[in-house]
Amino acid sequence: MKKRTKRDIGIFLGVIALIGGVALANSQFRRGNLAQQYERLRAQLESGHLQEGMNLLPFNLLRKTKGSLTKGGTFAADLFDYNNQPAHMIGFMVPQETFIDVSDFMMLPIPIECYFCAMPPARDVLYVHLQEGETAQIYAEPVLILGTFKINEGPGQKYFYSITDATIRAAEDDGELTRRRLKLQHMLPVHERDPDLLLEPYNPDDDTD
């Protein structure tokens, strides 16, 4: 092969690698910005309801949890003030197995496409079970949940915390809730995990499994 041909091939491969690197960097930047936008939105909504005098449990208090589900969690002392008490929480809905007329779901501080393909930190996951006989759709907007909050202590837990006997409404005053539109692959019972779909927390400080 002639030197010029080798040089041209090398230049071509270099350009392809550069384009790929730029695209990846842009994707990471957009995801980072999007995560920050969701963080700010939730924080603003929490602040507004707290100023109104609502008994609201901020998600950042849950994010102080350490440890693992296997061995058991270590929780912030202030979190026990809410244990087995009625509390409001604001977050984003994520389905477990079904996507329509759900009676239970997971709530996260920032949204992911679905739980099958992206695993959030255990400290970020709140299990929600609605009031008996009540169902809801998986909504695109942040929701405000009211129910009985419970800390799940000890080893071998599926979730660190839960809210039961819950009601749900839009987190924004006079806001509307619209059904979240999911891509077909996210409606399949099992599909390949894609870590790129998980939005990283705005200020990660996680040693939780």
N, C-alpha and C. Protein backbone atom coordinates (compact mmCIF):
# COMPACT_ATOMS: atom_id res chain seq x y z
N MET A 1 0.85 -1.19 0.00
CA MET A 1 0.00 0.00 0.00
C MET A 1 0.89 1.25 0.00
N LYS A 2 0.55 2.18 -0.82
CA LYS A 2 1.34 3.39 -0.93
C LYS A 2 1.24 4.24 0.34
N LYS A 3 2.32 4.98 0.60
CA LYS A 3 2.35 5.82 1.80
C LYS A 3 1.20 6.83 1.81
N ARG A 4 0.90 7.38 0.61
CA ARG A 4 -0.17 8.38 0.55
C ARG A 4 -1.51 7.76 0.91
N THR A 5 -1.72 6.53 0.42
CA THR A 5 -2.98 5.84 0.73
C THR A 5 -3.10 5.57 2.22
N LYS A 6 -1.99 5.09 2.83
CA LYS A 6 -2.00 4.84 4.26
C LYS A 6 -2.27 6.12 5.05
N ARG A 7 -1.65 7.21 4.58
CA ARG A 7 -1.85 8.49 5.24
C ARG A 7 -3.30 8.94 5.15
N ASP A 8 -3.91 8.76 3.96
CA ASP A 8 -5.31 9.17 3.78
C ASP A 8 -6.24 8.35 4.67
N ILE A 9 -5.95 7.04 4.74
CA ILE A 9 -6.78 6.18 5.60
C ILE A 9 -6.64 6.60 7.06
N GLY A 10 -5.42 6.90 7.47
CA GLY A 10 -5.19 7.34 8.84
C GLY A 10 -5.92 8.63 9.16
N ILE A 11 -5.88 9.58 8.22
CA ILE A 11 -6.58 10.85 8.41
C ILE A 11 -8.09 10.61 8.51
N PHE A 12 -8.60 9.75 7.63
CA PHE A 12 -10.02 9.44 7.61
C PHE A 12 -10.46 8.83 8.94
N LEU A 13 -9.70 7.83 9.43
CA LEU A 13 -10.05 7.20 10.71
C LEU A 13 -9.94 8.19 11.86
N GLY A 14 -8.96 9.08 11.77
CA GLY A 14 -8.82 10.10 12.80
C GLY A 14 -10.00 11.04 12.85
N VAL A 15 -10.49 11.43 11.68
CA VAL A 15 -11.67 12.31 11.61
C VAL A 15 -12.89 11.61 12.17
N ILE A 16 -13.07 10.33 11.84
CA ILE A 16 -14.21 9.56 12.35
C ILE A 16 -14.16 9.49 13.88
N ALA A 17 -12.97 9.22 14.42
CA ALA A 17 -12.81 9.14 15.87
C ALA A 17 -13.10 10.49 16.52
N LEU A 18 -12.65 11.57 15.88
CA LEU A 18 -12.88 12.91 16.42
C LEU A 18 -14.36 13.24 16.44
N ILE A 19 -15.06 12.92 15.34
CA ILE A 19 -16.50 13.18 15.27
C ILE A 19 -17.23 12.39 16.35
N GLY A 20 -16.83 11.11 16.50
CA GLY A 20 -17.46 10.28 17.53
C GLY A 20 -17.23 10.83 18.92
N GLY A 21 -16.01 11.31 19.17
CA GLY A 21 -15.71 11.88 20.48
C GLY A 21 -16.50 13.13 20.77
N VAL A 22 -16.63 13.99 19.77
CA VAL A 22 -17.41 15.22 19.93
C VAL A 22 -18.87 14.90 20.18
N ALA A 23 -19.41 13.93 19.42
CA ALA A 23 -20.82 13.55 19.60
C ALA A 23 -21.06 13.01 21.00
N LEU A 24 -20.12 12.17 21.49
CA LEU A 24 -20.27 11.62 22.83
C LEU A 24 -20.21 12.71 23.88
N ALA A 25 -19.26 13.64 23.72
CA ALA A 25 -19.13 14.74 24.68
C ALA A 25 -20.39 15.60 24.70
N ASN A 26 -20.93 15.89 23.50
CA ASN A 26 -22.17 16.69 23.42
C ASN A 26 -23.32 15.98 24.10
N SER A 27 -23.39 14.65 23.91
CA SER A 27 -24.46 13.87 24.52
C SER A 27 -24.36 13.91 26.04
N GLN A 28 -23.14 13.73 26.57
CA GLN A 28 -22.94 13.79 28.01
C GLN A 28 -23.28 15.18 28.55
N PHE A 29 -22.91 16.22 27.80
CA PHE A 29 -23.19 17.59 28.23
C PHE A 29 -24.69 17.85 28.29
N ARG A 30 -25.41 17.37 27.25
CA ARG A 30 -26.85 17.58 27.22
C ARG A 30 -27.52 16.84 28.36
N ARG A 31 -27.08 15.61 28.63
CA ARG A 31 -27.67 14.84 29.72
C ARG A 31 -27.41 15.52 31.05
N GLY A 32 -26.17 16.04 31.21
CA GLY A 32 -25.85 16.73 32.45
C GLY A 32 -26.71 17.96 32.64
N ASN A 33 -26.88 18.74 31.57
CA ASN A 33 -27.73 19.93 31.66
C ASN A 33 -29.18 19.56 31.96
N LEU A 34 -29.66 18.48 31.32
CA LEU A 34 -31.03 18.05 31.53
C LEU A 34 -31.24 17.61 32.98
N ALA A 35 -30.27 16.88 33.53
CA ALA A 35 -30.38 16.46 34.92
C ALA A 35 -30.47 17.67 35.85
N GLN A 36 -29.65 18.67 35.58
CA GLN A 36 -29.67 19.89 36.41
C GLN A 36 -31.01 20.61 36.28
N GLN A 37 -31.58 20.61 35.08
CA GLN A 37 -32.88 21.25 34.89
C GLN A 37 -33.95 20.55 35.71
N TYR A 38 -33.94 19.22 35.70
CA TYR A 38 -34.92 18.47 36.49
C TYR A 38 -34.70 18.70 37.99
N GLU A 39 -33.44 18.76 38.41
CA GLU A 39 -33.14 19.02 39.81
C GLU A 39 -33.68 20.38 40.23
N ARG A 40 -33.44 21.38 39.41
CA ARG A 40 -33.90 22.74 39.73
C ARG A 40 -35.42 22.81 39.77
N LEU A 41 -36.07 22.14 38.81
CA LEU A 41 -37.53 22.15 38.77
C LEU A 41 -38.10 21.53 40.04
N ARG A 42 -37.60 20.36 40.42
CA ARG A 42 -38.11 19.71 41.63
C ARG A 42 -37.84 20.57 42.87
N ALA A 43 -36.63 21.12 42.96
CA ALA A 43 -36.27 21.95 44.11
C ALA A 43 -37.16 23.19 44.20
N GLN A 44 -37.48 23.80 43.07
CA GLN A 44 -38.36 24.98 43.06
C GLN A 44 -39.76 24.62 43.53
N LEU A 45 -40.26 23.47 43.07
CA LEU A 45 -41.60 23.04 43.47
C LEU A 45 -41.63 22.71 44.96
N GLU A 46 -40.59 22.04 45.44
CA GLU A 46 -40.52 21.72 46.87
C GLU A 46 -40.49 23.01 47.70
N SER A 47 -39.67 23.96 47.29
CA SER A 47 -39.55 25.22 48.02
C SER A 47 -40.88 25.95 48.06
N GLY A 48 -41.59 25.98 46.93
CA GLY A 48 -42.87 26.66 46.88
C GLY A 48 -43.89 26.06 47.82
N HIS A 49 -43.97 24.73 47.87
CA HIS A 49 -44.94 24.08 48.76
C HIS A 49 -44.54 24.21 50.23
N LEU A 50 -43.24 24.20 50.50
CA LEU A 50 -42.79 24.41 51.88
C LEU A 50 -43.16 25.80 52.36
N GLN A 51 -43.03 26.79 51.49
CA GLN A 51 -43.40 28.16 51.85
C GLN A 51 -44.89 28.28 52.10
N GLU A 52 -45.68 27.42 51.47
CA GLU A 52 -47.12 27.42 51.70
C GLU A 52 -47.50 26.73 53.01
N GLY A 53 -46.49 26.13 53.68
CA GLY A 53 -46.75 25.46 54.95
C GLY A 53 -47.06 23.99 54.82
N MET A 54 -46.84 23.40 53.67
CA MET A 54 -47.11 21.99 53.46
C MET A 54 -46.10 21.12 54.23
N ASN A 55 -46.59 20.02 54.79
CA ASN A 55 -45.72 19.03 55.43
C ASN A 55 -45.06 18.19 54.34
N LEU A 56 -43.97 18.72 53.79
CA LEU A 56 -43.34 18.11 52.62
C LEU A 56 -41.98 17.54 52.99
N LEU A 57 -41.72 16.32 52.56
CA LEU A 57 -40.43 15.66 52.78
C LEU A 57 -39.56 15.87 51.55
N PRO A 58 -38.48 16.66 51.65
CA PRO A 58 -37.62 16.92 50.49
C PRO A 58 -36.82 15.67 50.11
N PHE A 59 -36.63 15.47 48.82
CA PHE A 59 -35.92 14.30 48.33
C PHE A 59 -34.47 14.29 48.80
N ASN A 60 -33.87 15.46 48.99
CA ASN A 60 -32.47 15.51 49.38
C ASN A 60 -32.23 14.89 50.76
N LEU A 61 -33.28 14.82 51.59
CA LEU A 61 -33.13 14.16 52.88
C LEU A 61 -33.00 12.65 52.70
N LEU A 62 -33.68 12.10 51.70
CA LEU A 62 -33.52 10.68 51.39
C LEU A 62 -32.12 10.40 50.83
N ARG A 63 -31.58 11.37 50.12
CA ARG A 63 -30.29 11.17 49.46
C ARG A 63 -29.11 11.14 50.44
N LYS A 64 -29.37 11.38 51.71
CA LYS A 64 -28.33 11.25 52.73
C LYS A 64 -28.17 9.80 53.20
N THR A 65 -29.04 8.92 52.71
CA THR A 65 -28.99 7.51 53.11
C THR A 65 -27.69 6.87 52.65
N LYS A 66 -27.09 6.08 53.52
CA LYS A 66 -25.88 5.33 53.21
C LYS A 66 -26.17 3.83 53.30
N GLY A 67 -25.21 3.02 52.82
CA GLY A 67 -25.33 1.59 52.95
C GLY A 67 -25.91 0.93 51.72
N SER A 68 -26.44 -0.26 51.88
CA SER A 68 -26.96 -1.03 50.75
C SER A 68 -28.25 -1.73 51.15
N LEU A 69 -29.05 -2.11 50.15
CA LEU A 69 -30.28 -2.85 50.42
C LEU A 69 -29.97 -4.21 51.00
N THR A 70 -28.88 -4.80 50.58
CA THR A 70 -28.51 -6.13 51.06
C THR A 70 -28.16 -6.11 52.54
N LYS A 71 -27.34 -5.13 52.94
CA LYS A 71 -26.87 -5.08 54.32
C LYS A 71 -27.73 -4.19 55.22
N GLY A 72 -28.50 -3.31 54.59
CA GLY A 72 -29.32 -2.39 55.36
C GLY A 72 -28.80 -0.97 55.26
N GLY A 73 -29.69 -0.01 55.38
CA GLY A 73 -29.32 1.38 55.22
C GLY A 73 -29.05 2.09 56.54
N THR A 74 -28.31 3.18 56.43
CA THR A 74 -28.12 4.11 57.55
C THR A 74 -28.76 5.42 57.13
N PHE A 75 -29.74 5.88 57.90
CA PHE A 75 -30.58 6.99 57.48
C PHE A 75 -30.29 8.25 58.30
N ALA A 76 -30.53 9.40 57.68
CA ALA A 76 -30.37 10.67 58.38
C ALA A 76 -31.32 10.72 59.57
N ALA A 77 -30.84 11.27 60.68
CA ALA A 77 -31.66 11.32 61.90
C ALA A 77 -32.97 12.07 61.66
N ASP A 78 -32.92 13.16 60.86
CA ASP A 78 -34.11 13.96 60.59
C ASP A 78 -35.17 13.17 59.82
N LEU A 79 -34.74 12.14 59.09
CA LEU A 79 -35.69 11.37 58.29
C LEU A 79 -36.67 10.61 59.18
N PHE A 80 -36.24 10.23 60.38
CA PHE A 80 -37.11 9.47 61.27
C PHE A 80 -38.27 10.33 61.81
N ASP A 81 -38.16 11.65 61.67
CA ASP A 81 -39.29 12.51 62.06
C ASP A 81 -40.50 12.25 61.18
N TYR A 82 -40.26 11.72 59.98
CA TYR A 82 -41.35 11.47 59.03
C TYR A 82 -41.82 10.01 59.06
N ASN A 83 -41.10 9.15 59.76
CA ASN A 83 -41.38 7.71 59.72
C ASN A 83 -42.77 7.40 60.27
N ASN A 84 -43.53 6.63 59.47
CA ASN A 84 -44.90 6.24 59.83
C ASN A 84 -45.83 7.43 60.02
N GLN A 85 -45.51 8.54 59.34
CA GLN A 85 -46.31 9.76 59.42
C GLN A 85 -46.81 10.15 58.02
N PRO A 86 -47.94 10.88 57.95
CA PRO A 86 -48.38 11.40 56.66
C PRO A 86 -47.37 12.41 56.13
N ALA A 87 -47.05 12.33 54.86
CA ALA A 87 -46.07 13.25 54.27
C ALA A 87 -46.34 13.42 52.79
N HIS A 88 -45.98 14.60 52.30
CA HIS A 88 -46.00 14.88 50.86
C HIS A 88 -44.60 14.71 50.30
N MET A 89 -44.51 14.26 49.04
CA MET A 89 -43.23 14.21 48.34
C MET A 89 -43.45 14.55 46.87
N ILE A 90 -42.43 15.17 46.27
CA ILE A 90 -42.48 15.54 44.86
C ILE A 90 -41.40 14.76 44.11
N GLY A 91 -41.76 14.21 42.96
CA GLY A 91 -40.78 13.47 42.16
C GLY A 91 -41.37 13.07 40.83
N PHE A 92 -40.67 12.15 40.16
CA PHE A 92 -41.05 11.70 38.82
C PHE A 92 -41.39 10.21 38.85
N MET A 93 -42.47 9.84 38.19
CA MET A 93 -42.95 8.46 38.20
C MET A 93 -42.13 7.59 37.25
N VAL A 94 -41.85 6.37 37.71
CA VAL A 94 -41.18 5.36 36.88
C VAL A 94 -41.92 4.03 37.10
N PRO A 95 -42.32 3.35 36.03
CA PRO A 95 -43.07 2.11 36.20
C PRO A 95 -42.20 0.96 36.65
N GLN A 96 -42.82 -0.01 37.30
CA GLN A 96 -42.12 -1.24 37.66
C GLN A 96 -42.26 -2.26 36.53
N GLU A 97 -43.49 -2.66 36.26
CA GLU A 97 -43.73 -3.67 35.23
C GLU A 97 -44.79 -3.23 34.22
N THR A 98 -45.80 -2.51 34.68
CA THR A 98 -46.85 -2.07 33.79
C THR A 98 -46.80 -0.55 33.65
N PHE A 99 -47.41 -0.05 32.57
CA PHE A 99 -47.31 1.36 32.22
C PHE A 99 -48.66 2.07 32.20
N ILE A 100 -49.75 1.29 32.30
CA ILE A 100 -51.10 1.84 32.21
C ILE A 100 -51.89 1.39 33.42
N ASP A 101 -52.66 2.30 34.02
CA ASP A 101 -53.53 1.98 35.16
C ASP A 101 -52.74 1.28 36.26
N VAL A 102 -51.68 1.93 36.73
CA VAL A 102 -50.82 1.33 37.75
C VAL A 102 -51.38 1.63 39.14
N SER A 103 -51.23 0.68 40.04
CA SER A 103 -51.60 0.90 41.44
C SER A 103 -50.37 1.15 42.30
N ASP A 104 -49.20 0.82 41.76
CA ASP A 104 -47.96 1.13 42.46
C ASP A 104 -46.88 1.43 41.43
N PHE A 105 -45.86 2.15 41.86
CA PHE A 105 -44.80 2.60 40.96
C PHE A 105 -43.63 3.07 41.81
N MET A 106 -42.56 3.47 41.16
CA MET A 106 -41.43 4.07 41.84
C MET A 106 -41.39 5.56 41.54
N MET A 107 -40.92 6.33 42.49
CA MET A 107 -40.76 7.75 42.29
C MET A 107 -39.30 8.12 42.51
N LEU A 108 -38.75 8.93 41.59
CA LEU A 108 -37.35 9.31 41.62
C LEU A 108 -37.23 10.83 41.61
N PRO A 109 -36.07 11.37 42.06
CA PRO A 109 -35.88 12.82 42.05
C PRO A 109 -35.71 13.39 40.65
N ILE A 110 -35.24 12.58 39.72
CA ILE A 110 -35.16 12.94 38.31
C ILE A 110 -35.62 11.74 37.49
N PRO A 111 -36.17 11.95 36.30
CA PRO A 111 -36.77 10.83 35.57
C PRO A 111 -35.74 10.00 34.80
N ILE A 112 -36.09 8.73 34.59
CA ILE A 112 -35.39 7.87 33.65
C ILE A 112 -36.44 7.27 32.72
N GLU A 113 -35.99 6.70 31.61
CA GLU A 113 -36.94 6.14 30.64
C GLU A 113 -37.76 5.01 31.27
N CYS A 114 -37.06 4.06 31.87
CA CYS A 114 -37.76 2.98 32.55
C CYS A 114 -36.79 2.26 33.47
N TYR A 115 -37.32 1.51 34.41
CA TYR A 115 -36.51 0.85 35.42
C TYR A 115 -35.78 -0.37 34.86
N PHE A 116 -36.25 -0.89 33.73
CA PHE A 116 -35.64 -2.09 33.15
C PHE A 116 -34.26 -1.79 32.58
N CYS A 117 -34.09 -0.60 32.01
CA CYS A 117 -32.86 -0.34 31.26
C CYS A 117 -31.91 0.59 31.96
N ALA A 118 -32.28 1.16 33.10
CA ALA A 118 -31.38 2.06 33.82
C ALA A 118 -31.67 1.96 35.31
N MET A 119 -30.66 1.58 36.08
CA MET A 119 -30.83 1.37 37.51
C MET A 119 -30.37 2.60 38.29
N PRO A 120 -31.28 3.29 38.95
CA PRO A 120 -30.88 4.47 39.75
C PRO A 120 -30.27 4.01 41.07
N PRO A 121 -29.57 4.91 41.78
CA PRO A 121 -29.08 4.57 43.12
C PRO A 121 -30.24 4.20 44.03
N ALA A 122 -30.04 3.21 44.89
CA ALA A 122 -31.12 2.73 45.76
C ALA A 122 -31.66 3.84 46.65
N ARG A 123 -30.80 4.78 47.06
CA ARG A 123 -31.23 5.87 47.94
C ARG A 123 -32.20 6.81 47.25
N ASP A 124 -32.22 6.80 45.90
CA ASP A 124 -33.07 7.71 45.13
C ASP A 124 -34.44 7.12 44.83
N VAL A 125 -34.70 5.89 45.23
CA VAL A 125 -35.92 5.19 44.82
C VAL A 125 -36.92 5.14 45.96
N LEU A 126 -38.09 5.71 45.73
CA LEU A 126 -39.20 5.65 46.69
C LEU A 126 -40.29 4.77 46.08
N TYR A 127 -40.72 3.76 46.81
CA TYR A 127 -41.82 2.91 46.35
C TYR A 127 -43.14 3.53 46.79
N VAL A 128 -44.07 3.65 45.85
CA VAL A 128 -45.37 4.27 46.12
C VAL A 128 -46.49 3.29 45.81
N HIS A 129 -47.41 3.11 46.77
CA HIS A 129 -48.61 2.30 46.55
C HIS A 129 -49.82 3.19 46.79
N LEU A 130 -50.68 3.27 45.79
CA LEU A 130 -51.84 4.14 45.87
C LEU A 130 -52.92 3.57 46.80
N GLN A 131 -53.89 4.41 47.12
CA GLN A 131 -55.01 3.97 47.94
C GLN A 131 -55.71 2.78 47.29
N GLU A 132 -56.31 1.94 48.12
CA GLU A 132 -56.98 0.74 47.64
C GLU A 132 -58.01 1.09 46.55
N GLY A 133 -57.89 0.41 45.41
CA GLY A 133 -58.81 0.61 44.30
C GLY A 133 -58.46 1.76 43.38
N GLU A 134 -57.44 2.55 43.72
CA GLU A 134 -57.04 3.68 42.89
C GLU A 134 -55.94 3.28 41.90
N THR A 135 -55.98 3.86 40.71
CA THR A 135 -54.93 3.64 39.72
C THR A 135 -54.56 4.98 39.08
N ALA A 136 -53.43 4.99 38.41
CA ALA A 136 -52.96 6.20 37.72
C ALA A 136 -52.18 5.79 36.49
N GLN A 137 -51.95 6.75 35.62
CA GLN A 137 -51.07 6.54 34.48
C GLN A 137 -49.65 6.93 34.91
N ILE A 138 -48.67 6.58 34.09
CA ILE A 138 -47.31 7.08 34.31
C ILE A 138 -47.23 8.44 33.64
N TYR A 139 -47.10 9.48 34.46
CA TYR A 139 -47.20 10.85 33.96
C TYR A 139 -45.83 11.42 33.63
N ALA A 140 -45.81 12.34 32.68
CA ALA A 140 -44.56 12.98 32.25
C ALA A 140 -44.12 14.06 33.23
N GLU A 141 -45.07 14.73 33.84
CA GLU A 141 -44.76 15.86 34.72
C GLU A 141 -44.42 15.38 36.14
N PRO A 142 -43.74 16.21 36.92
CA PRO A 142 -43.52 15.85 38.32
C PRO A 142 -44.84 15.78 39.06
N VAL A 143 -44.94 14.84 39.99
CA VAL A 143 -46.18 14.62 40.73
C VAL A 143 -45.97 14.91 42.21
N LEU A 144 -47.07 15.22 42.87
CA LEU A 144 -47.09 15.43 44.32
C LEU A 144 -47.85 14.26 44.94
N ILE A 145 -47.16 13.55 45.82
CA ILE A 145 -47.72 12.36 46.46
C ILE A 145 -48.01 12.68 47.93
N LEU A 146 -49.16 12.22 48.41
CA LEU A 146 -49.48 12.30 49.83
C LEU A 146 -49.83 10.90 50.31
N GLY A 147 -49.15 10.45 51.35
CA GLY A 147 -49.42 9.13 51.91
C GLY A 147 -48.62 8.94 53.19
N THR A 148 -48.60 7.71 53.68
CA THR A 148 -47.87 7.39 54.89
C THR A 148 -46.46 6.95 54.53
N PHE A 149 -45.48 7.70 55.00
CA PHE A 149 -44.08 7.42 54.70
C PHE A 149 -43.52 6.40 55.69
N LYS A 150 -42.72 5.47 55.18
CA LYS A 150 -42.14 4.43 56.04
C LYS A 150 -40.70 4.17 55.65
N ILE A 151 -39.82 4.12 56.64
CA ILE A 151 -38.43 3.72 56.44
C ILE A 151 -38.33 2.20 56.61
N ASN A 152 -37.73 1.55 55.66
CA ASN A 152 -37.56 0.10 55.72
C ASN A 152 -36.15 -0.22 56.24
N GLU A 153 -36.06 -0.51 57.52
CA GLU A 153 -34.78 -0.76 58.16
C GLU A 153 -34.41 -2.24 58.09
N GLY A 154 -33.10 -2.50 58.22
CA GLY A 154 -32.61 -3.86 58.27
C GLY A 154 -32.16 -4.38 56.92
N PRO A 155 -31.49 -5.53 56.91
CA PRO A 155 -30.96 -6.10 55.67
C PRO A 155 -32.04 -6.76 54.81
N GLY A 156 -31.71 -6.94 53.55
CA GLY A 156 -32.58 -7.67 52.63
C GLY A 156 -33.83 -6.92 52.20
N GLN A 157 -33.74 -5.60 52.10
CA GLN A 157 -34.89 -4.80 51.69
C GLN A 157 -34.93 -4.65 50.18
N LYS A 158 -36.13 -4.50 49.63
CA LYS A 158 -36.27 -4.21 48.21
C LYS A 158 -36.17 -2.71 47.95
N TYR A 159 -36.67 -1.92 48.91
CA TYR A 159 -36.59 -0.46 48.84
C TYR A 159 -36.22 0.08 50.22
N PHE A 160 -35.50 1.18 50.26
CA PHE A 160 -35.18 1.81 51.54
C PHE A 160 -36.40 2.45 52.18
N TYR A 161 -37.35 2.93 51.35
CA TYR A 161 -38.50 3.65 51.89
C TYR A 161 -39.71 3.48 50.98
N SER A 162 -40.88 3.72 51.55
CA SER A 162 -42.12 3.57 50.79
C SER A 162 -43.14 4.59 51.28
N ILE A 163 -44.11 4.86 50.42
CA ILE A 163 -45.30 5.63 50.79
C ILE A 163 -46.52 4.81 50.39
N THR A 164 -47.39 4.55 51.34
CA THR A 164 -48.57 3.73 51.09
C THR A 164 -49.83 4.55 51.30
N ASP A 165 -50.97 3.97 50.82
CA ASP A 165 -52.27 4.65 50.92
C ASP A 165 -52.17 6.05 50.32
N ALA A 166 -51.53 6.12 49.16
CA ALA A 166 -51.15 7.41 48.58
C ALA A 166 -52.20 7.96 47.62
N THR A 167 -52.25 9.29 47.55
CA THR A 167 -52.99 10.00 46.51
C THR A 167 -51.98 10.76 45.66
N ILE A 168 -52.39 11.13 44.46
CA ILE A 168 -51.44 11.73 43.51
C ILE A 168 -52.11 12.90 42.80
N ARG A 169 -51.33 13.96 42.59
CA ARG A 169 -51.79 15.09 41.78
C ARG A 169 -50.58 15.80 41.20
N ALA A 170 -50.82 16.77 40.35
CA ALA A 170 -49.73 17.53 39.75
C ALA A 170 -48.98 18.29 40.83
N ALA A 171 -47.65 18.29 40.74
CA ALA A 171 -46.83 18.99 41.72
C ALA A 171 -46.94 20.51 41.57
N GLU A 172 -47.22 20.97 40.36
CA GLU A 172 -47.35 22.40 40.11
C GLU A 172 -48.79 22.83 40.34
N ASP A 173 -48.99 23.91 41.07
CA ASP A 173 -50.34 24.40 41.33
C ASP A 173 -51.06 24.66 40.01
N ASP A 174 -52.28 24.13 39.91
CA ASP A 174 -53.10 24.26 38.70
C ASP A 174 -52.45 23.59 37.50
N GLY A 175 -51.47 22.71 37.74
CA GLY A 175 -50.81 22.01 36.64
C GLY A 175 -51.63 20.82 36.15
N GLU A 176 -51.36 20.39 34.95
CA GLU A 176 -52.04 19.23 34.37
C GLU A 176 -51.06 18.08 34.26
N LEU A 177 -51.59 16.87 34.36
CA LEU A 177 -50.78 15.67 34.21
C LEU A 177 -51.12 15.00 32.89
N THR A 178 -50.10 14.72 32.10
CA THR A 178 -50.30 14.06 30.81
C THR A 178 -49.56 12.74 30.81
N ARG A 179 -50.15 11.77 30.15
CA ARG A 179 -49.56 10.43 30.12
C ARG A 179 -48.21 10.45 29.42
N ARG A 180 -47.26 9.80 30.04
CA ARG A 180 -45.91 9.74 29.48
C ARG A 180 -45.88 8.81 28.27
N ARG A 181 -45.29 9.27 27.19
CA ARG A 181 -45.18 8.48 25.98
C ARG A 181 -43.83 7.78 25.96
N LEU A 182 -43.86 6.46 25.99
CA LEU A 182 -42.63 5.68 26.04
C LEU A 182 -42.37 5.01 24.69
N LYS A 183 -41.10 4.87 24.37
CA LYS A 183 -40.74 4.15 23.15
C LYS A 183 -41.10 2.67 23.30
N LEU A 184 -41.33 2.03 22.17
CA LEU A 184 -41.81 0.65 22.18
C LEU A 184 -40.90 -0.27 22.99
N GLN A 185 -39.57 -0.11 22.85
CA GLN A 185 -38.67 -1.04 23.53
C GLN A 185 -38.80 -0.97 25.04
N HIS A 186 -39.25 0.19 25.57
CA HIS A 186 -39.39 0.32 27.01
C HIS A 186 -40.68 -0.31 27.52
N MET A 187 -41.55 -0.75 26.62
CA MET A 187 -42.78 -1.41 27.02
C MET A 187 -42.63 -2.92 27.05
N LEU A 188 -41.48 -3.44 26.61
CA LEU A 188 -41.24 -4.87 26.65
C LEU A 188 -40.89 -5.29 28.08
N PRO A 189 -41.29 -6.51 28.49
CA PRO A 189 -41.02 -6.95 29.87
C PRO A 189 -39.53 -6.93 30.23
N VAL A 190 -38.68 -7.28 29.28
CA VAL A 190 -37.24 -7.30 29.53
C VAL A 190 -36.52 -6.78 28.30
N HIS A 191 -35.56 -5.92 28.48
CA HIS A 191 -34.70 -5.52 27.38
C HIS A 191 -33.36 -5.08 27.94
N GLU A 192 -32.42 -4.89 27.07
CA GLU A 192 -31.05 -4.64 27.49
C GLU A 192 -30.94 -3.33 28.26
N ARG A 193 -30.18 -3.36 29.34
CA ARG A 193 -29.94 -2.15 30.11
C ARG A 193 -29.03 -1.21 29.35
N ASP A 194 -29.32 0.05 29.46
CA ASP A 194 -28.52 1.08 28.79
C ASP A 194 -28.18 2.15 29.82
N PRO A 195 -26.96 2.11 30.38
CA PRO A 195 -26.61 3.08 31.43
C PRO A 195 -26.65 4.53 30.95
N ASP A 196 -26.57 4.76 29.64
CA ASP A 196 -26.61 6.13 29.14
C ASP A 196 -27.98 6.78 29.33
N LEU A 197 -29.01 5.96 29.58
CA LEU A 197 -30.34 6.51 29.77
C LEU A 197 -30.56 7.03 31.19
N LEU A 198 -29.64 6.72 32.09
CA LEU A 198 -29.77 7.18 33.46
C LEU A 198 -29.18 8.57 33.61
N LEU A 199 -29.97 9.49 34.10
CA LEU A 199 -29.49 10.84 34.37
C LEU A 199 -28.80 10.86 35.72
N GLU A 200 -27.56 11.28 35.73
CA GLU A 200 -26.81 11.33 36.98
C GLU A 200 -27.36 12.42 37.90
N PRO A 201 -27.35 12.17 39.22
CA PRO A 201 -27.77 13.22 40.15
C PRO A 201 -26.94 14.48 39.98
N TYR A 202 -27.53 15.62 40.30
CA TYR A 202 -26.87 16.90 40.11
C TYR A 202 -25.62 17.01 40.97
N ASN A 203 -25.72 16.63 42.25
CA ASN A 203 -24.57 16.66 43.15
C ASN A 203 -24.35 15.27 43.73
N PRO A 204 -23.81 14.34 42.95
CA PRO A 204 -23.70 12.96 43.44
C PRO A 204 -22.68 12.84 44.56
N ASP A 205 -23.09 12.13 45.63
CA ASP A 205 -22.18 11.83 46.73
C ASP A 205 -22.62 10.48 47.28
N ASP A 206 -22.56 9.47 46.41
CA ASP A 206 -23.24 8.22 46.67
C ASP A 206 -22.26 7.10 46.97
N ASP A 207 -22.41 6.45 48.12
CA ASP A 207 -21.68 5.22 48.35
C ASP A 207 -22.65 4.08 48.58
N THR A 208 -23.88 4.26 48.05
CA THR A 208 -24.93 3.26 48.17
C THR A 208 -24.84 2.28 47.04
N ASP A 209 -25.05 1.00 47.33
CA ASP A 209 -25.03 -0.01 46.28
C ASP A 209 -26.22 0.15 45.37
